[in-house]
Amino acid sequence: MSRAVCPGTFDPVHHGHLDVITRAARLFDEVVVAVGVNPSKNRLFDDDERIAMLERACADLPGVRVVGFTGLLTDLCAEQDAQAVVKGLRGPADFEYEARMAGMNSRQTGVDTVFLPTDPRWSYVASSLVKEVAGLGGDVRGLLPDVVHEALLARLAERAAQAGR
């Protein structure tokens, strides 16, 4: 059985992420979507929320499951008996960074990295940009699954209300 790990922070998950996960699911028998959990990081959504949103977004994808992880990605790959890491690339800058990470991961455990170019429809989408635009009142509908869009707007409204106190 071929198995790959598709890691990220997914804060929040958007259609660019889901495009890569969906395409990876066509290439591998199983795809483990690995949500980086780190209590010291300041994320808009906590670990459990990000995992739950991904589980809902990936529910209809056969062979895809979602896990949280801390520590080295290579350790998770070994634990999951994964032969590859799948990373989406939006452009040349992503490749430069990810190629270095792929080299280090390969050195650690021999796990290969498969790069999937992002569908051009999503090549400009990044979680940080989505949060920034939405936080300033911009329309990000259509960039995220509906359930994630609703959660994003609710969380931003909570934060705005807290800041107004």
Protein backbone atom coordinates (compact mmCIF):
# COMPACT_ATOMS: atom_id res chain seq x y z
CA MET A 1 0.00 0.00 0.00
CA SER A 2 1.37 3.41 -0.92
CA ARG A 3 0.96 6.09 1.71
CA ALA A 4 1.88 9.76 1.71
CA VAL A 5 1.78 12.50 4.31
CA CYS A 6 0.49 15.93 3.33
CA PRO A 7 1.58 18.31 6.12
CA GLY A 8 0.58 21.86 6.95
CA THR A 9 -0.80 24.20 9.55
CA PHE A 10 -4.06 24.73 7.64
CA ASP A 11 -5.01 27.92 9.52
CA PRO A 12 -7.50 27.90 7.87
CA VAL A 13 -7.77 25.18 5.22
CA HIS A 14 -8.58 26.63 1.79
CA HIS A 15 -9.33 25.31 -1.69
CA GLY A 16 -5.66 25.36 -2.67
CA HIS A 17 -4.91 22.92 0.15
CA LEU A 18 -7.86 20.74 -0.81
CA ASP A 19 -6.80 20.69 -4.46
CA VAL A 20 -3.39 19.28 -3.48
CA ILE A 21 -4.92 16.76 -1.05
CA THR A 22 -7.45 15.60 -3.66
CA ARG A 23 -4.78 15.14 -6.31
CA ALA A 24 -2.49 13.33 -3.85
CA ALA A 25 -5.37 10.95 -3.09
CA ARG A 26 -5.39 9.97 -6.77
CA LEU A 27 -1.67 9.14 -6.64
CA PHE A 28 -1.49 7.23 -3.35
CA ASP A 29 -3.64 4.54 -1.75
CA GLU A 30 -3.76 6.58 1.44
CA VAL A 31 -3.04 10.22 2.26
CA VAL A 32 -2.47 11.26 5.85
CA VAL A 33 -3.21 14.97 6.20
CA ALA A 34 -0.90 16.00 9.03
CA VAL A 35 -1.95 19.11 10.92
CA GLY A 36 0.97 20.68 12.72
CA VAL A 37 0.00 21.24 16.34
CA ASN A 38 2.17 23.47 18.45
CA PRO A 39 0.83 25.08 21.62
CA SER A 40 3.45 27.83 21.45
CA LYS A 41 2.24 29.07 18.06
CA ASN A 42 -0.43 31.75 17.89
CA ARG A 43 -2.99 30.49 15.40
CA LEU A 44 -6.41 31.88 14.58
CA PHE A 45 -7.93 28.41 15.06
CA ASP A 46 -6.75 26.01 17.74
CA ASP A 47 -5.45 22.54 16.95
CA ASP A 48 -8.76 20.72 17.46
CA GLU A 49 -10.65 23.25 15.34
CA ARG A 50 -8.21 22.95 12.44
CA ILE A 51 -8.31 19.15 12.59
CA ALA A 52 -12.14 19.16 12.71
CA MET A 53 -12.40 21.56 9.75
CA LEU A 54 -10.06 19.37 7.70
CA GLU A 55 -11.95 16.22 8.64
CA ARG A 56 -15.16 17.81 7.39
CA ALA A 57 -13.52 19.17 4.24
CA CYS A 58 -11.95 15.78 3.42
CA ALA A 59 -14.86 13.57 4.47
CA ASP A 60 -15.77 12.64 0.89
CA LEU A 61 -12.20 11.85 -0.19
CA PRO A 62 -11.53 8.11 -0.11
CA GLY A 63 -8.25 7.09 1.47
CA VAL A 64 -7.72 10.42 3.23
CA ARG A 65 -7.47 10.75 6.99
CA VAL A 66 -6.46 13.64 9.21
CA VAL A 67 -4.08 13.53 12.18
CA GLY A 68 -2.42 16.10 14.38
CA PHE A 69 1.32 15.95 14.94
CA THR A 70 4.14 17.61 16.82
CA GLY A 71 7.84 17.19 16.30
CA LEU A 72 9.63 16.13 13.17
CA LEU A 73 7.67 15.36 10.03
CA THR A 74 10.08 12.51 9.32
CA ASP A 75 9.13 10.89 12.64
CA LEU A 76 5.47 11.06 11.65
CA CYS A 77 6.28 9.55 8.25
CA ALA A 78 8.04 6.64 10.00
CA GLU A 79 5.14 6.18 12.44
CA GLN A 80 2.63 6.20 9.57
CA ASP A 81 4.82 3.99 7.32
CA ALA A 82 4.61 6.69 4.65
CA GLN A 83 6.82 6.51 1.59
CA ALA A 84 6.40 10.14 0.59
CA VAL A 85 5.59 13.66 1.65
CA VAL A 86 3.32 15.64 -0.68
CA LYS A 87 3.75 19.39 -0.90
CA GLY A 88 1.88 21.87 -3.07
CA LEU A 89 3.88 24.57 -4.81
CA ARG A 90 2.39 27.95 -5.67
CA GLY A 91 5.48 29.21 -7.43
CA PRO A 92 9.29 29.39 -7.55
CA ALA A 93 9.67 30.81 -4.03
CA ASP A 94 7.79 27.83 -2.59
CA PHE A 95 10.05 25.46 -4.52
CA GLU A 96 13.25 27.02 -3.16
CA TYR A 97 12.09 26.61 0.44
CA GLU A 98 10.45 23.21 0.00
CA ALA A 99 13.41 21.74 -1.93
CA ARG A 100 15.68 22.42 1.06
CA MET A 101 13.14 20.81 3.39
CA ALA A 102 12.81 17.81 1.05
CA GLY A 103 16.58 17.35 1.09
CA MET A 104 16.70 17.41 4.88
CA ASN A 105 13.75 15.03 5.18
CA SER A 106 15.36 12.62 2.74
CA ARG A 107 18.63 12.77 4.65
CA GLN A 108 16.85 12.01 7.93
CA THR A 109 14.86 8.95 6.85
CA GLY A 110 15.00 8.54 3.09
CA VAL A 111 11.40 9.66 2.63
CA ASP A 112 10.81 11.22 -0.79
CA THR A 113 8.93 14.45 -1.42
CA VAL A 114 6.45 14.76 -4.26
CA PHE A 115 5.78 18.31 -5.43
CA LEU A 116 2.39 19.11 -6.94
CA PRO A 117 2.04 22.46 -8.65
CA THR A 118 -1.01 24.26 -7.36
CA ASP A 119 -3.88 24.62 -9.77
CA PRO A 120 -3.54 28.15 -11.23
CA ARG A 121 -6.99 29.02 -9.84
CA TRP A 122 -5.51 28.81 -6.33
CA SER A 123 -1.88 29.85 -6.91
CA TYR A 124 -2.29 33.18 -5.12
CA VAL A 125 -4.20 31.79 -2.13
CA ALA A 126 -2.44 31.52 1.23
CA SER A 127 -4.04 31.13 4.64
CA SER A 128 -2.28 34.24 5.91
CA LEU A 129 -3.58 36.31 2.99
CA VAL A 130 -7.11 34.95 3.41
CA LYS A 131 -7.07 35.92 7.11
CA GLU A 132 -5.69 39.38 6.35
CA VAL A 133 -8.21 40.17 3.62
CA ALA A 134 -11.14 38.80 5.64
CA GLY A 135 -9.96 40.70 8.73
CA LEU A 136 -10.10 43.93 6.75
CA GLY A 137 -13.63 43.18 5.54
CA GLY A 138 -12.74 41.75 2.14
CA ASP A 139 -14.71 38.96 0.52
CA VAL A 140 -12.89 35.61 0.66
CA ARG A 141 -15.98 33.54 -0.07
CA GLY A 142 -15.15 30.94 -2.69
CA LEU A 143 -11.58 30.52 -1.47
CA LEU A 144 -12.60 28.28 1.43
CA PRO A 145 -15.16 25.56 2.03
CA ASP A 146 -18.39 27.19 3.23
CA VAL A 147 -18.08 25.76 6.74
CA VAL A 148 -14.56 27.16 7.04
CA HIS A 149 -15.65 30.55 5.67
CA GLU A 150 -18.39 30.73 8.31
CA ALA A 151 -15.95 29.76 11.07
CA LEU A 152 -13.44 32.36 9.86
CA LEU A 153 -15.99 35.17 9.89
CA ALA A 154 -17.23 34.13 13.34
CA ARG A 155 -13.70 33.99 14.77
CA LEU A 156 -12.77 37.38 13.31
CA ALA A 157 -15.98 38.86 14.75
CA GLU A 158 -15.09 37.38 18.18
CA ARG A 159 -11.62 38.90 18.04
CA ALA A 160 -12.97 42.28 16.94
CA ALA A 161 -15.47 42.27 19.81
CA GLN A 162 -12.73 41.40 22.30
CA ALA A 163 -10.51 44.16 20.96
CA GLY A 164 -13.34 46.67 21.29
CA ARG A 165 -13.68 46.08 25.05
